[in-house]
Protein backbone atom coordinates (compact mmCIF):
# COMPACT_ATOMS: atom_id res chain seq x y z
CA MET A 1 98.80 93.87 77.43
CA ARG A 2 101.91 95.65 78.67
CA ASN A 3 102.35 96.61 82.27
CA ASP A 4 105.64 98.51 82.50
CA TYR A 5 107.22 101.01 84.77
CA ALA A 6 107.28 104.66 83.69
CA SER A 7 109.91 105.25 81.01
CA SER A 8 113.29 106.81 81.66
CA GLU A 9 112.21 109.72 79.44
CA ALA A 10 109.20 110.34 81.67
CA LEU A 11 111.43 110.20 84.76
CA ALA A 12 113.85 112.67 83.18
CA ALA A 13 110.93 115.03 82.46
CA LEU A 14 109.88 114.72 86.11
CA LYS A 15 113.37 115.76 87.17
CA ILE A 16 113.05 118.90 85.04
CA ALA A 17 109.60 119.76 86.42
CA PHE A 18 110.60 118.88 90.00
CA PRO A 19 114.34 119.46 90.47
CA ASN A 20 114.22 118.17 94.07
CA ALA A 21 112.90 114.78 92.96
CA GLU A 22 115.45 111.99 93.27
CA TYR A 23 115.65 108.50 91.78
CA ASP A 24 118.24 106.00 90.62
CA ALA A 25 118.21 106.27 86.82
CA GLU A 26 120.03 102.92 86.54
CA ALA A 27 117.39 100.94 88.44
CA SER A 28 114.80 99.08 86.38
CA HIS A 29 112.02 100.28 88.72
CA PRO A 30 113.34 103.40 90.45
CA ALA A 31 111.18 104.92 93.13
CA VAL A 32 110.87 108.68 92.87
CA TYR A 33 111.63 110.40 96.18
CA ILE A 34 109.95 113.72 96.79
CA GLY A 35 109.83 115.96 99.85
CA ALA A 36 106.69 116.01 101.96
CA GLU A 37 106.22 119.72 101.23
CA GLU A 38 105.95 119.00 97.47
CA LEU A 39 103.87 115.80 97.69
CA THR A 40 100.42 117.21 96.85
CA VAL A 41 101.69 119.27 93.90
CA PHE A 42 103.74 116.30 92.68
CA LEU A 43 100.81 113.84 92.85
CA THR A 44 98.58 116.35 91.05
CA PHE A 45 101.20 116.67 88.30
CA LEU A 46 101.46 112.88 87.93
CA ARG A 47 97.69 112.57 87.67
CA ASP A 48 97.14 115.47 85.24
CA ASP A 49 100.22 115.24 83.00
CA ARG A 50 99.24 113.93 79.54
CA ALA A 51 102.51 112.02 79.14
CA LEU A 52 102.04 110.15 82.45
CA GLN A 53 98.27 109.94 83.16
CA LEU A 54 98.87 108.24 86.53
CA THR A 55 95.21 108.53 87.45
CA ARG A 56 94.90 105.56 89.77
CA MET A 57 96.42 105.35 93.25
CA GLU A 58 96.77 101.60 93.71
CA ASN A 59 98.25 101.48 97.18
CA VAL A 60 99.44 103.66 100.05
CA THR A 61 101.60 102.21 102.78
CA ALA A 62 104.49 103.05 105.08
CA VAL A 63 107.73 101.42 106.21
CA ASP A 64 109.63 101.86 109.48
CA TRP A 65 113.36 101.56 108.72
CA LYS A 66 114.35 102.20 112.39
CA ASP A 67 116.14 105.45 111.44
CA ARG A 68 113.38 106.90 109.24
CA TYR A 69 109.85 106.30 107.97
CA GLU A 70 108.96 106.08 104.31
CA MET A 71 105.55 106.73 102.86
CA VAL A 72 105.08 104.65 99.70
CA TYR A 73 102.58 105.49 96.97
CA HIS A 74 102.00 103.11 94.03
CA LEU A 75 100.39 104.85 91.04
CA PHE A 76 99.10 103.30 87.82
CA SER A 77 97.98 104.60 84.45
CA PRO A 78 95.11 102.47 83.09
CA THR A 79 95.39 104.37 79.80
CA LEU A 80 99.14 103.99 79.22
CA LEU A 81 99.55 100.81 81.32
CA HIS A 82 102.55 101.92 83.32
CA TRP A 83 103.42 102.26 87.02
CA LEU A 84 105.30 104.67 89.21
CA THR A 85 106.30 104.39 92.85
CA VAL A 86 106.59 107.62 94.84
CA LYS A 87 108.27 107.71 98.25
CA VAL A 88 108.47 110.37 100.94
CA THR A 89 111.12 110.05 103.65
CA LEU A 90 110.05 111.23 107.09
CA ALA A 91 112.18 111.81 110.16
CA HIS A 92 112.01 109.06 112.77
CA GLU A 93 110.16 110.91 115.49
CA ASP A 94 107.16 110.31 117.71
CA ALA A 95 104.69 112.18 115.49
CA PRO A 96 105.75 112.18 111.82
CA THR A 97 103.47 114.11 109.48
CA VAL A 98 102.86 114.22 105.75
CA PRO A 99 100.18 116.00 103.70
CA SER A 100 97.12 113.90 102.92
CA ALA A 101 96.75 112.75 99.31
CA THR A 102 92.95 112.78 99.59
CA ALA A 103 92.70 116.15 97.80
CA VAL A 104 94.25 114.51 94.71
CA PHE A 105 93.07 110.91 95.13
CA PRO A 106 89.96 110.82 97.38
CA GLY A 107 90.05 107.01 97.45
CA VAL A 108 93.14 106.93 99.68
CA GLU A 109 91.17 108.13 102.70
CA PHE A 110 90.87 104.67 104.26
CA GLU A 111 94.47 103.65 103.49
CA GLU A 112 95.80 106.81 105.15
CA ARG A 113 93.67 106.04 108.20
CA GLU A 114 95.17 102.55 108.27
CA VAL A 115 98.73 103.95 108.12
CA TYR A 116 97.82 106.43 110.86
CA ASP A 117 96.48 103.66 113.09
CA LEU A 118 99.27 101.14 112.56
CA MET A 119 102.30 103.43 112.06
CA GLY A 120 101.32 106.69 113.76
CA ILE A 121 101.93 108.91 110.73
CA THR A 122 99.60 111.92 110.76
CA PHE A 123 98.13 113.14 107.47
CA THR A 124 97.54 116.89 107.54
CA GLY A 125 94.38 117.91 105.70
CA HIS A 126 92.80 114.44 105.97
CA PRO A 127 88.99 114.76 106.14
CA ASP A 128 88.45 112.07 108.81
CA LEU A 129 91.71 110.95 110.41
CA ARG A 130 90.89 108.39 113.09
CA ARG A 131 91.87 104.85 113.98
CA VAL A 132 90.56 101.94 111.91
CA PHE A 133 91.52 98.79 113.83
CA HIS A 134 92.12 99.97 117.39
CA ARG A 135 90.08 101.85 119.98
CA ASP A 136 90.83 105.54 120.33
CA ASP A 137 92.42 104.93 123.75
CA PHE A 138 94.81 102.24 122.43
CA VAL A 139 98.41 103.23 123.17
CA GLY A 140 100.98 102.87 120.41
CA HIS A 141 101.15 101.84 116.78
CA PRO A 142 101.66 98.08 116.21
CA LEU A 143 103.72 98.23 112.99
CA ARG A 144 106.43 100.47 114.41
CA LYS A 145 109.69 98.79 115.25
CA ASP A 146 109.64 100.29 118.76
CA PHE A 147 106.11 99.07 119.58
CA VAL A 148 105.80 97.15 122.84
CA PRO A 149 102.56 95.19 122.96
CA PRO A 150 100.41 95.58 126.05
CA PRO A 151 100.28 92.61 128.42
CA PRO A 152 97.44 90.14 127.84
CA PRO A 153 94.35 90.63 129.98
CA ASN A 154 94.32 88.91 133.34
CA ILE A 155 91.67 86.22 133.02
CA PRO A 156 91.27 84.07 136.13
CA ARG A 157 91.41 80.34 135.59
CA ILE A 158 88.35 78.36 136.50
CA ARG A 159 89.08 75.18 138.40
CA ARG A 160 86.85 72.24 137.67
CA GLU A 161 85.69 70.37 140.75
CA GLY A 162 85.27 66.62 140.97
CA ILE A 163 87.64 65.47 138.27
């Protein structure tokens, strides 16, 4: 069973269909960068295109690079047994936003909520965007580089008598 990355021919065809898409053609596993405004159309194309058939969203995550955020989408074709990584660069600001991929891949709903909770990236059009791990009143996003954890709770020590 082969498990390759999308071919250079497929990447070249993507560049024709989406002229704003960028990738390093020399890399063995180039990530395709697309603008946030084109993300939903791009993911739909990857899913529906007969030459790609990237019908499975394997993973959605985000990275804080201090000067920018990157949304990372790992797609797989169970039919053609190939992968593609799609990235969206977002400005490093307090409230970065990107369109939700749930309209194209409904199964990413929970992963987008996780990214929202831990990184603070808002997904416009998400059907139920709320925190997963933290209370609604929790301040901050723990996976951001600038996150300052809250102080531990003040628990009084109990002194044992008679020892």
